[in-house]
Protein backbone atom coordinates (compact mmCIF):
# COMPACT_ATOMS: atom_id res chain seq x y z
CA MET A 1 -236.39 237.80 133.98
CA ASN A 2 -233.66 238.87 136.42
CA LEU A 3 -233.46 235.30 137.70
CA VAL A 4 -233.07 233.90 134.18
CA ARG A 5 -230.42 236.52 133.36
CA ALA A 6 -228.54 235.66 136.55
CA GLU A 7 -228.68 231.94 135.74
CA LEU A 8 -227.49 232.57 132.20
CA GLU A 9 -224.48 234.49 133.54
CA ARG A 10 -223.73 231.74 136.04
CA LEU A 11 -223.96 229.07 133.35
CA SER A 12 -221.72 230.88 130.88
CA ALA A 13 -219.16 231.61 133.61
CA ARG A 14 -218.70 227.97 134.62
CA ARG A 15 -215.27 226.69 133.63
CA PHE A 16 -216.56 223.21 132.89
CA VAL A 17 -219.09 224.60 130.42
CA GLN A 18 -216.37 226.67 128.76
CA LEU A 19 -214.14 223.60 128.58
CA MET A 20 -216.89 221.53 126.97
CA VAL A 21 -217.51 224.26 124.39
CA VAL A 22 -213.80 224.30 123.57
CA LEU A 23 -213.79 220.50 123.22
CA LEU A 24 -216.83 220.71 120.94
CA ALA A 25 -215.08 223.25 118.72
CA LEU A 26 -211.89 221.18 118.76
CA ALA A 27 -213.69 217.97 117.74
CA PHE A 28 -215.43 219.89 114.98
CA ALA A 29 -212.16 221.39 113.71
CA VAL A 30 -210.31 218.06 113.76
CA THR A 31 -213.11 216.30 111.87
CA ALA A 32 -213.31 219.04 109.24
CA ALA A 33 -209.53 219.23 108.81
CA THR A 34 -209.21 215.45 108.49
CA THR A 35 -211.97 215.35 105.89
CA LEU A 36 -210.45 218.22 103.92
CA ALA A 37 -206.97 216.65 103.97
CA GLY A 38 -208.26 213.27 102.80
CA SER A 39 -210.39 214.53 99.91
CA HIS A 40 -209.79 215.94 96.45
CA LYS A 41 -211.82 217.20 93.53
CA PRO A 42 -212.24 214.31 91.04
CA ASN A 43 -211.19 214.90 87.46
CA ALA A 44 -213.16 213.96 84.34
CA ASP A 45 -211.49 210.56 83.93
CA GLU A 46 -212.22 209.56 87.53
CA LEU A 47 -215.86 210.59 87.19
CA SER A 48 -216.27 208.71 83.91
CA SER A 49 -214.76 205.54 85.34
CA ALA A 50 -216.86 205.78 88.51
CA ARG A 51 -220.08 206.22 86.51
CA ALA A 52 -219.25 203.18 84.38
CA GLN A 53 -218.59 201.07 87.48
CA ALA A 54 -221.84 202.20 89.07
CA ILE A 55 -223.81 201.27 85.95
CA GLN A 56 -222.11 197.88 85.84
CA ALA A 57 -222.87 197.25 89.51
CA ARG A 58 -226.56 198.05 89.01
CA GLU A 59 -226.71 195.77 85.97
CA ASN A 60 -225.10 192.95 87.97
CA MET A 61 -227.70 193.38 90.71
CA GLU A 62 -230.54 193.15 88.18
CA ALA A 63 -228.95 190.12 86.52
CA THR A 64 -228.64 188.34 89.87
CA HIS A 65 -232.26 189.08 90.66
CA GLN A 66 -233.42 187.72 87.28
CA GLU A 67 -231.30 184.61 87.72
CA CYS A 68 -232.89 183.98 91.11
CA LEU A 69 -236.37 184.33 89.62
CA ALA A 70 -235.45 181.96 86.79
CA ARG A 71 -234.27 179.32 89.24
CA GLN A 72 -237.39 179.80 91.35
CA ASN A 73 -239.62 179.32 88.29
CA GLY A 74 -237.69 176.25 87.18
CA ALA A 75 -236.21 177.83 84.06
CA ILE A 76 -232.73 177.11 85.40
CA PRO A 77 -232.09 173.79 87.17
CA SER A 78 -230.81 174.19 90.72
CA SER A 79 -227.83 172.00 89.93
CA ASP A 80 -226.71 174.44 87.23
CA VAL A 81 -226.55 177.37 89.65
CA GLY A 82 -223.35 177.61 91.63
CA ASP A 83 -224.16 180.80 93.54
CA TYR A 84 -226.26 180.99 96.67
CA PHE A 85 -229.74 182.51 96.30
CA PRO A 86 -232.22 183.24 99.10
CA ALA A 87 -235.61 181.55 99.21
CA ASP A 88 -237.30 184.91 98.67
CA CYS A 89 -235.90 186.53 95.52
CA SER A 90 -237.42 189.88 96.47
CA GLU A 91 -234.41 190.34 98.75
CA LEU A 92 -232.31 190.72 95.61
CA ASP A 93 -234.68 193.07 93.82
CA PRO A 94 -232.77 196.33 93.24
CA ILE A 95 -236.00 198.32 93.58
CA ARG A 96 -236.34 197.22 97.21
CA HIS A 97 -232.83 198.30 98.19
CA ASP A 98 -232.46 201.43 100.28
CA ARG A 99 -230.02 202.81 97.75
CA LEU A 100 -228.40 201.71 94.48
CA PRO A 101 -224.71 202.03 93.60
CA ILE A 102 -223.78 205.51 92.46
CA ALA A 103 -220.61 207.04 91.05
CA ALA A 104 -219.52 208.37 94.45
CA ASP A 105 -219.24 204.78 95.71
CA PHE A 106 -216.36 204.23 93.30
CA LEU A 107 -214.40 207.39 94.04
CA PRO A 108 -212.02 206.55 96.89
CA GLY A 109 -210.48 209.56 98.57
CA VAL A 110 -213.28 211.88 97.48
CA PHE A 111 -215.64 213.37 100.07
CA SER A 112 -219.29 213.36 99.02
CA PHE A 113 -221.57 215.56 101.11
CA GLY A 114 -224.66 213.77 99.87
CA GLN A 115 -223.35 210.41 101.06
CA GLN A 116 -221.57 211.36 104.27
CA ALA A 117 -223.66 214.21 105.68
CA LEU A 118 -225.92 211.82 107.61
CA PRO A 119 -223.10 209.84 109.34
CA LEU A 120 -221.39 213.14 110.18
CA LEU A 121 -224.63 214.45 111.67
CA TYR A 122 -225.00 211.30 113.79
CA PHE A 123 -221.46 211.89 115.12
CA LEU A 124 -222.32 215.50 116.03
CA ILE A 125 -225.56 214.47 117.74
CA ALA A 126 -223.72 211.86 119.83
CA PHE A 127 -221.23 214.50 120.97
CA LEU A 128 -224.00 217.01 121.73
CA VAL A 129 -225.92 214.39 123.74
CA LEU A 130 -222.84 213.77 125.88
CA PHE A 131 -222.25 217.52 126.08
CA GLY A 132 -225.80 218.18 127.27
CA PHE A 133 -225.75 215.40 129.86
CA LEU A 134 -222.43 216.47 131.38
CA VAL A 135 -223.23 220.19 131.36
CA GLY A 136 -226.68 219.58 132.85
CA ALA A 137 -225.25 217.41 135.62
CA SER A 138 -222.37 219.73 136.46
CA TYR A 139 -224.48 222.90 136.35
CA ILE A 140 -226.84 221.89 139.17
CA GLY A 141 -224.51 219.44 140.88
CA ALA A 142 -221.79 222.01 141.53
CA ASP A 143 -224.30 224.55 142.88
CA LEU A 144 -225.85 222.02 145.25
CA ASN A 145 -222.48 220.82 146.49
CA SER A 146 -220.94 224.28 146.94
CA GLY A 147 -223.93 226.00 148.53
CA GLY A 148 -224.66 228.22 145.54
CA VAL A 149 -228.31 227.19 145.55
CA VAL A 150 -228.69 228.18 149.19
CA ASN A 151 -227.28 231.64 148.47
CA LEU A 152 -229.64 232.00 145.52
CA LEU A 153 -232.63 231.03 147.66
CA LEU A 154 -231.79 233.83 150.10
CA TRP A 155 -232.39 236.24 147.22
CA ARG A 156 -235.35 234.40 145.66
CA PRO A 157 -236.87 232.13 148.37
CA ARG A 158 -239.00 230.03 146.02
CA ARG A 159 -237.45 226.65 145.51
CA LEU A 160 -239.45 225.38 142.56
CA THR A 161 -239.17 228.72 140.75
CA VAL A 162 -235.40 228.73 141.20
CA LEU A 163 -235.01 225.12 140.05
CA ALA A 164 -237.33 225.68 137.08
CA ALA A 165 -235.35 228.78 136.09
CA LYS A 166 -232.14 226.78 136.23
CA LEU A 167 -233.55 223.97 134.11
CA GLY A 168 -235.20 226.32 131.62
CA THR A 169 -232.06 228.43 131.21
CA LEU A 170 -229.98 225.28 130.79
CA LEU A 171 -232.27 223.77 128.14
CA GLY A 172 -232.55 227.05 126.22
CA THR A 173 -228.78 227.58 126.21
CA VAL A 174 -228.02 224.02 125.12
CA LEU A 175 -230.66 224.23 122.37
CA VAL A 176 -229.23 227.48 120.95
CA LEU A 177 -225.69 226.13 121.13
CA ALA A 178 -226.71 222.85 119.48
CA LEU A 179 -228.50 224.70 116.68
CA LEU A 180 -225.56 227.00 115.99
CA ALA A 181 -223.04 224.14 116.18
CA SER A 182 -225.00 221.87 113.85
CA LEU A 183 -225.63 224.60 111.27
CA ALA A 184 -221.96 225.63 111.24
CA TYR A 185 -220.93 221.97 111.14
CA LEU A 186 -223.10 221.02 108.16
CA ALA A 187 -222.33 224.27 106.33
CA THR A 188 -218.60 223.62 106.64
CA PHE A 189 -218.86 220.11 105.20
CA TRP A 190 -221.14 221.37 102.43
CA VAL A 191 -218.41 223.84 101.47
CA ILE A 192 -215.83 221.02 101.57
CA GLY A 193 -218.03 218.96 99.25
CA GLN A 194 -218.37 221.87 96.85
CA THR A 195 -214.68 222.83 96.77
CA ALA A 196 -212.68 219.68 97.55
CA GLY A 197 -215.03 216.80 96.78
CA LEU A 198 -218.53 216.16 95.48
CA ALA A 199 -221.78 217.80 96.50
CA GLY A 200 -223.70 214.58 95.82
CA HIS A 201 -227.35 214.17 94.96
CA LEU A 202 -228.96 216.90 97.11
CA ASN A 203 -232.63 216.60 96.23
CA GLY A 204 -235.64 217.44 98.36
CA GLU A 205 -235.78 213.96 99.87
CA PHE A 206 -232.18 214.29 101.04
CA TRP A 207 -232.80 217.58 102.83
CA ARG A 208 -236.05 216.32 104.37
CA SER A 209 -234.29 213.23 105.69
CA LEU A 210 -231.38 215.26 107.03
CA GLY A 211 -233.73 217.78 108.63
CA ALA A 212 -235.77 215.02 110.27
CA VAL A 213 -232.66 213.43 111.80
CA HIS A 214 -231.47 216.86 112.92
CA GLY A 215 -234.79 217.62 114.61
CA ARG A 216 -234.91 214.25 116.36
CA GLY A 217 -231.30 214.74 117.41
CA LEU A 218 -232.08 218.09 119.02
CA VAL A 219 -234.93 216.49 120.98
CA LEU A 220 -232.53 213.78 122.15
CA VAL A 221 -229.96 216.41 123.22
CA LEU A 222 -232.58 218.21 125.32
CA LEU A 223 -233.73 214.95 126.91
CA ALA A 224 -230.14 214.03 127.80
CA THR A 225 -229.58 217.48 129.29
CA ALA A 226 -232.70 217.27 131.44
CA LEU A 227 -231.79 213.72 132.46
CA GLY A 228 -228.32 214.75 133.66
CA PHE A 229 -229.84 217.70 135.51
CA ALA A 230 -232.47 215.53 137.20
CA ILE A 231 -230.10 212.76 138.34
CA ALA A 232 -227.57 215.27 139.70
CA THR A 233 -230.38 217.04 141.58
CA LEU A 234 -231.52 213.77 143.13
CA GLY A 235 -227.95 212.83 144.07
CA ARG A 236 -226.93 216.38 145.07
CA HIS A 237 -223.67 216.04 143.15
CA THR A 238 -222.36 215.85 139.59
CA SER A 239 -220.77 212.49 140.32
CA ALA A 240 -224.22 211.04 141.01
CA ALA A 241 -225.17 211.50 137.37
CA LEU A 242 -221.84 210.17 136.13
CA GLY A 243 -222.08 207.18 138.45
CA ALA A 244 -225.63 206.44 137.37
CA LEU A 245 -224.63 206.60 133.70
CA ALA A 246 -221.66 204.29 134.22
CA ALA A 247 -223.67 201.86 136.36
CA TYR A 248 -226.45 201.65 133.79
CA ALA A 249 -224.03 201.06 130.93
CA VAL A 250 -222.11 198.32 132.75
CA VAL A 251 -224.85 196.62 134.76
CA TRP A 252 -227.75 196.80 132.33
CA GLU A 253 -226.55 197.44 128.77
CA LEU A 254 -223.69 194.93 129.12
CA GLY A 255 -224.51 192.64 132.05
CA ALA A 256 -228.27 192.35 131.68
CA ARG A 257 -228.03 192.04 127.91
CA LEU A 258 -225.71 189.07 128.33
CA VAL A 259 -228.05 187.43 130.85
CA LEU A 260 -231.06 187.95 128.58
CA GLU A 261 -229.20 186.32 125.71
CA ILE A 262 -228.22 183.37 127.90
CA ILE A 263 -231.80 182.71 129.01
CA ASP A 264 -233.12 183.35 125.48
CA ALA A 265 -235.48 186.12 126.55
CA PRO A 266 -237.75 187.11 123.64
CA ASN A 267 -237.31 190.60 122.14
CA SER A 268 -234.52 191.40 124.59
CA ASP A 269 -233.51 194.55 122.69
CA LEU A 270 -236.76 196.22 123.76
CA PHE A 271 -235.47 196.30 127.34
CA MET A 272 -232.43 198.38 126.40
CA LEU A 273 -232.49 202.17 126.46
CA SER A 274 -229.96 202.28 123.63
CA SER A 275 -232.44 200.48 121.37
CA HIS A 276 -235.07 203.16 121.98
CA ILE A 277 -232.53 205.93 121.42
CA GLY A 278 -231.50 204.39 118.10
CA ALA A 279 -235.12 203.83 117.04
CA TRP A 280 -236.07 207.43 117.82
CA LEU A 281 -233.03 208.93 116.14
CA SER A 282 -233.31 206.88 112.93
CA GLY A 283 -237.11 206.88 112.75
CA GLY A 284 -237.39 203.18 113.59
CA ALA A 285 -235.17 200.17 114.10
CA ARG A 286 -235.17 196.45 113.26
CA PHE A 287 -233.77 193.78 115.58
CA TYR A 288 -233.13 190.09 115.06
CA ASP A 289 -234.55 187.42 117.33
CA GLU A 290 -234.02 183.79 116.36
CA GLN A 291 -236.92 182.72 118.55
CA LEU A 292 -239.37 184.29 116.12
CA CYS A 293 -238.55 181.58 113.60
CA ARG A 294 -238.70 178.65 115.98
CA GLY A 295 -241.54 176.32 115.09
CA SER A 296 -242.07 177.84 111.65
CA THR A 297 -242.18 175.11 109.03
CA GLY A 298 -242.12 175.72 105.32
CA SER A 299 -243.03 179.40 105.36
CA TYR A 300 -240.36 182.05 105.01
CA CYS A 301 -239.27 183.73 108.27
CA ASP A 302 -236.65 186.46 108.47
CA GLY A 303 -236.53 186.65 112.30
CA PHE A 304 -236.71 190.45 112.51
CA TYR A 305 -239.03 192.64 114.54
CA THR A 306 -239.46 196.41 114.43
CA LEU A 307 -239.38 199.14 117.06
CA ALA A 308 -241.17 202.28 115.80
CA TRP A 309 -240.09 205.78 116.73
CA GLY A 310 -243.36 206.57 118.56
CA PRO A 311 -243.06 203.98 121.35
CA ALA A 312 -239.32 204.70 121.57
CA LEU A 313 -239.95 208.41 122.13
CA LEU A 314 -242.65 207.61 124.68
CA VAL A 315 -240.17 205.55 126.72
CA LEU A 316 -237.59 208.33 126.62
CA LEU A 317 -240.16 210.97 127.62
CA VAL A 318 -241.54 208.87 130.49
CA LEU A 319 -238.04 208.18 131.84
CA THR A 320 -236.86 211.79 131.60
CA GLY A 321 -240.16 213.27 132.77
CA GLY A 322 -240.39 210.89 135.71
CA LEU A 323 -236.88 211.61 136.94
CA THR A 324 -237.34 215.36 136.44
CA ALA A 325 -240.61 215.34 138.39
CA ALA A 326 -238.93 213.32 141.14
CA ALA A 327 -236.06 215.82 141.24
CA PHE A 328 -238.47 218.74 141.70
CA ALA A 329 -240.42 216.87 144.39
CA VAL A 330 -237.25 216.00 146.34
CA PHE A 331 -235.78 219.49 145.93
CA ARG A 332 -238.95 221.05 147.33
CA ARG A 333 -238.69 219.15 150.62
CA ARG A 334 -234.97 218.51 151.00
CA ASP A 335 -232.76 220.15 153.62
CA LEU A 336 -230.15 222.00 151.53
CA ILE A 337 -227.79 222.86 154.39
C-alpha cells in the first residue's frame, strides 16, 4: 500500500501529467463554449417548420421505395423512370435505415444532445486514448531515463512488484480521471441541450448505446495506456513509445496500406490496427473490397465484409498483453544502471 501511495504521489507530481490534464480541461472548455455560442433555443415556428420538413422527407423516402418496387415488378416501364434505382430495392426501404429524418435535422444552429452526444463522446475518447498513451509512456520512460527506478528499487528491491505497482497505479489513475472527465463532459452538453438547444429523443435505447460506447472507450483508453507504458519500458525512454507510434502510423497505416491496395490484397483493412480499433469502439465495422464481387454474374453483390467487435478486441488484447509481458520479462533481467 505504501508503494502504491508513493507511486500515486509521483504520478500526480509529474509536470507532464499536470500539463496533459490542463490540456484536457482546455479542450473540453473550448468545445463546450463553441457549442454553446453556436446554439439557440428554437421557437415554436422553427419547431413546426422542422417537423413538417421531417415528415415530408420520410414521405419522399417511402415514395421512392414504392416507385422502385413498382419498376421492379414491371408496373412502371424502365423508360418512364428518369431517376436511378438500385437493383435491390430493399436499400431504399425506410425501415432498414439506421435512422429516419427527424425535426432536429432541419434546425440549423440548434444543438441537439440526442443527435450529437455520440460524436462528442467519440471525440473525448480519442483525446483520452492519446492522453493515456502519452502519460503511460512518459511516466515510466522518465523514471527509467533519470534513474528514478533505481532509487525506488533500493527501497523496495523487487523489480516485478515495483513495475506492477507502477502500471497498476497508472491504470487506476487514468481510469478514474477518464470516468470523471466523461461524466462531466456529457453532463455539460446535456445541460446545454436542455437550456440552449434540444434534448433530443433520449429513450432507453439511446442511453444503452451511449453507455456501450462509453464502456468500450474506457477499455480502449486503458489498453492505450498500457501500450504506451510497455513500449517505453522496452525502449527505456518516452521517445521510444512516440517513435514507435509515429513509425507505425507512417510505415504501416499509410505505406503498407498503399502497397496492399496496389497489389490488390484481399481484405486489406483487416491488417490495420485502426480497423480493429474502430470495430471495437463502434461494435463492428464494414469495409469495402471490390475483389469480393469479381466473378459474380447475375446475383447481387455489395462488396462489403464485416469485422465484428469480438475478433477486434482479441487482436487489441493480444498486442497489448504481449508487449506488456515482454516489458516485464525484459525489465526483470535488464541492467538498469
